[in-house]
C-alpha atoms as a PDB file:
ATOM      1  CA  MET A   1     -40.344  21.847  46.153  1.00  0.00           C
ATOM      2  CA  PRO A   2     -41.607  19.380  42.810  1.00  0.00           C
ATOM      3  CA  GLU A   3     -44.925  18.818  43.162  1.00  0.00           C
ATOM      4  CA  MET A   4     -46.709  15.837  41.400  1.00  0.00           C
ATOM      5  CA  HIS A   5     -50.062  14.126  41.130  1.00  0.00           C
ATOM      6  CA  VAL A   6     -51.066  10.640  40.684  1.00  0.00           C
ATOM      7  CA  ARG A   7     -54.362   9.616  38.351  1.00  0.00           C
ATOM      8  CA  LEU A   8     -56.181   6.724  40.114  1.00  0.00           C
ATOM      9  CA  ARG A   9     -59.330   4.724  39.001  1.00  0.00           C
ATOM     10  CA  TRP A  10     -60.885   3.218  42.259  1.00  0.00           C
ATOM     11  CA  PRO A  11     -62.873  -0.008  42.526  1.00  0.00           C
ATOM     12  CA  ASP A  12     -66.407   1.461  40.987  1.00  0.00           C
ATOM     13  CA  GLY A  13     -64.602   3.166  37.955  1.00  0.00           C
ATOM     14  CA  THR A  14     -64.378   6.743  39.687  1.00  0.00           C
ATOM     15  CA  ARG A  15     -61.514   8.418  38.557  1.00  0.00           C
ATOM     16  CA  GLU A  16     -59.327  10.971  40.956  1.00  0.00           C
ATOM     17  CA  ARG A  17     -56.515  12.837  40.859  1.00  0.00           C
ATOM     18  CA  VAL A  18     -54.369  13.293  43.757  1.00  0.00           C
ATOM     19  CA  TYR A  19     -51.758  15.881  44.670  1.00  0.00           C
ATOM     20  CA  SER A  20     -48.541  15.451  46.481  1.00  0.00           C
ATOM     21  CA  PRO A  21     -45.701  18.010  47.290  1.00  0.00           C
ATOM     22  CA  SER A  22     -42.650  15.754  46.715  1.00  0.00           C
ATOM     23  CA  LEU A  23     -41.839  13.350  44.032  1.00  0.00           C
ATOM     24  CA  VAL A  24     -41.739  10.522  47.114  1.00  0.00           C
ATOM     25  CA  LEU A  25     -45.066   9.206  45.878  1.00  0.00           C
ATOM     26  CA  ALA A  26     -43.537   7.912  42.844  1.00  0.00           C
ATOM     27  CA  GLU A  27     -41.145   5.743  44.927  1.00  0.00           C
ATOM     28  CA  HIS A  28     -44.662   4.213  46.258  1.00  0.00           C
ATOM     29  CA  LEU A  29     -46.689   3.578  43.381  1.00  0.00           C
ATOM     30  CA  ASP A  30     -45.976   2.326  40.042  1.00  0.00           C
ATOM     31  CA  ALA A  31     -47.970   3.588  37.069  1.00  0.00           C
ATOM     32  CA  GLY A  32     -50.197   0.919  35.576  1.00  0.00           C
ATOM     33  CA  THR A  33     -50.163  -1.149  38.975  1.00  0.00           C
ATOM     34  CA  ALA A  34     -53.610  -2.079  40.576  1.00  0.00           C
ATOM     35  CA  TYR A  35     -53.068  -2.297  44.421  1.00  0.00           C
ATOM     36  CA  PRO A  36     -55.500  -3.804  46.905  1.00  0.00           C
ATOM     37  CA  LEU A  37     -56.926  -0.932  48.950  1.00  0.00           C
ATOM     38  CA  GLU A  38     -55.376  -1.600  52.417  1.00  0.00           C
ATOM     39  CA  ASP A  39     -51.575  -1.996  50.570  1.00  0.00           C
ATOM     40  CA  PHE A  40     -52.711   1.056  48.442  1.00  0.00           C
ATOM     41  CA  ALA A  41     -53.383   3.058  51.720  1.00  0.00           C
ATOM     42  CA  ARG A  42     -50.668   1.796  53.639  1.00  0.00           C
ATOM     43  CA  ARG A  43     -48.098   2.907  50.615  1.00  0.00           C
ATOM     44  CA  SER A  44     -50.206   6.165  50.475  1.00  0.00           C
ATOM     45  CA  ARG A  45     -49.877   7.067  54.154  1.00  0.00           C
ATOM     46  CA  GLU A  46     -46.321   6.452  53.863  1.00  0.00           C
ATOM     47  CA  ALA A  47     -45.438   8.600  51.068  1.00  0.00           C
ATOM     48  CA  LEU A  48     -47.815  11.351  51.992  1.00  0.00           C
ATOM     49  CA  THR A  49     -46.368  11.881  55.589  1.00  0.00           C
ATOM     50  CA  GLU A  50     -42.776  11.810  54.355  1.00  0.00           C
ATOM     51  CA  ALA A  51     -43.754  14.261  51.635  1.00  0.00           C
ATOM     52  CA  SER A  52     -45.522  16.302  54.350  1.00  0.00           C
ATOM     53  CA  GLU A  53     -42.241  15.844  56.507  1.00  0.00           C
ATOM     54  CA  ARG A  54     -40.020  17.420  53.794  1.00  0.00           C
ATOM     55  CA  VAL A  55     -42.274  20.162  53.480  1.00  0.00           C
ATOM     56  CA  ARG A  56     -41.685  20.731  57.407  1.00  0.00           C
ATOM     57  CA  ALA A  57     -38.283  20.142  57.011  1.00  0.00           C
ATOM     58  CA  LYS A  58     -37.671  23.032  54.174  1.00  0.00           C
ATOM     59  CA  TYR A  59     -40.633  25.693  55.738  1.00  0.00           C
ATOM     60  CA  GLY A  60     -41.272  24.811  58.929  1.00  0.00           C
ATOM     61  CA  PHE A  61     -44.636  23.267  58.968  1.00  0.00           C
ATOM     62  CA  PRO A  62     -46.431  20.400  57.329  1.00  0.00           C
ATOM     63  CA  CYS A  63     -48.257  20.289  53.944  1.00  0.00           C
ATOM     64  CA  SER A  64     -51.742  20.621  54.098  1.00  0.00           C
ATOM     65  CA  ARG A  65     -52.655  19.424  51.044  1.00  0.00           C
ATOM     66  CA  ALA A  66     -50.503  16.540  51.434  1.00  0.00           C
ATOM     67  CA  ALA A  67     -52.873  15.767  54.682  1.00  0.00           C
ATOM     68  CA  ALA A  68     -55.576  16.483  52.584  1.00  0.00           C
ATOM     69  CA  SER A  69     -54.656  13.915  49.845  1.00  0.00           C
ATOM     70  CA  LEU A  70     -54.276  11.214  52.412  1.00  0.00           C
ATOM     71  CA  ALA A  71     -57.468  12.039  54.146  1.00  0.00           C
ATOM     72  CA  GLY A  72     -59.701  11.724  51.076  1.00  0.00           C
ATOM     73  CA  ILE A  73     -57.687   8.438  50.203  1.00  0.00           C
ATOM     74  CA  GLU A  74     -58.342   6.989  53.860  1.00  0.00           C
ATOM     75  CA  ALA A  75     -62.062   8.004  53.458  1.00  0.00           C
ATOM     76  CA  ARG A  76     -62.538   6.388  49.862  1.00  0.00           C
ATOM     77  CA  VAL A  77     -60.806   3.494  51.190  1.00  0.00           C
ATOM     78  CA  ARG A  78     -63.042   2.830  54.486  1.00  0.00           C
ATOM     79  CA  ARG A  79     -66.085   3.278  51.698  1.00  0.00           C
ATOM     80  CA  TYR A  80     -65.096   0.829  49.330  1.00  0.00           C
ATOM     81  CA  GLY A  81     -63.570  -1.806  51.748  1.00  0.00           C
ATOM     82  CA  GLU A  82     -62.564  -4.205  49.382  1.00  0.00           C
ATOM     83  CA  GLY A  83     -60.994  -4.001  45.555  1.00  0.00           C
ATOM     84  CA  ASP A  84     -58.332  -2.596  43.977  1.00  0.00           C
ATOM     85  CA  VAL A  85     -56.948   0.642  43.044  1.00  0.00           C
ATOM     86  CA  LEU A  86     -55.211   1.067  39.802  1.00  0.00           C
ATOM     87  CA  VAL A  87     -52.621   3.800  39.412  1.00  0.00           C
ATOM     88  CA  GLU A  88     -53.143   5.170  35.966  1.00  0.00           C
ATOM     89  CA  ALA A  89     -50.366   7.875  35.691  1.00  0.00           C
ATOM     90  CA  VAL A  90     -47.782   9.180  38.166  1.00  0.00           C
ATOM     91  CA  GLU A  91     -47.227  12.648  36.663  1.00  0.00           C
ATOM     92  CA  THR A  92     -44.233  14.960  37.802  1.00  0.00           C
END
């Protein structure tokens, strides 16, 4: 399966690179776009869940790295509470 990463800038300026086991993340997030935290979390949850299910369909088990990416995103969203996440780049 093709992997991809998304480079993010969080509300406090922290940068992070997030992994996805599938290109589906690019269908939910656009490079150069800032998303309100809750919208970003929702989009990420949908995309990473779908990516993990694609792994399950192909290999018989979900993707633990996709689950870890989602857990990290959700933890940061809770920590910040408000603000925007900028998707700096979508890397395939």
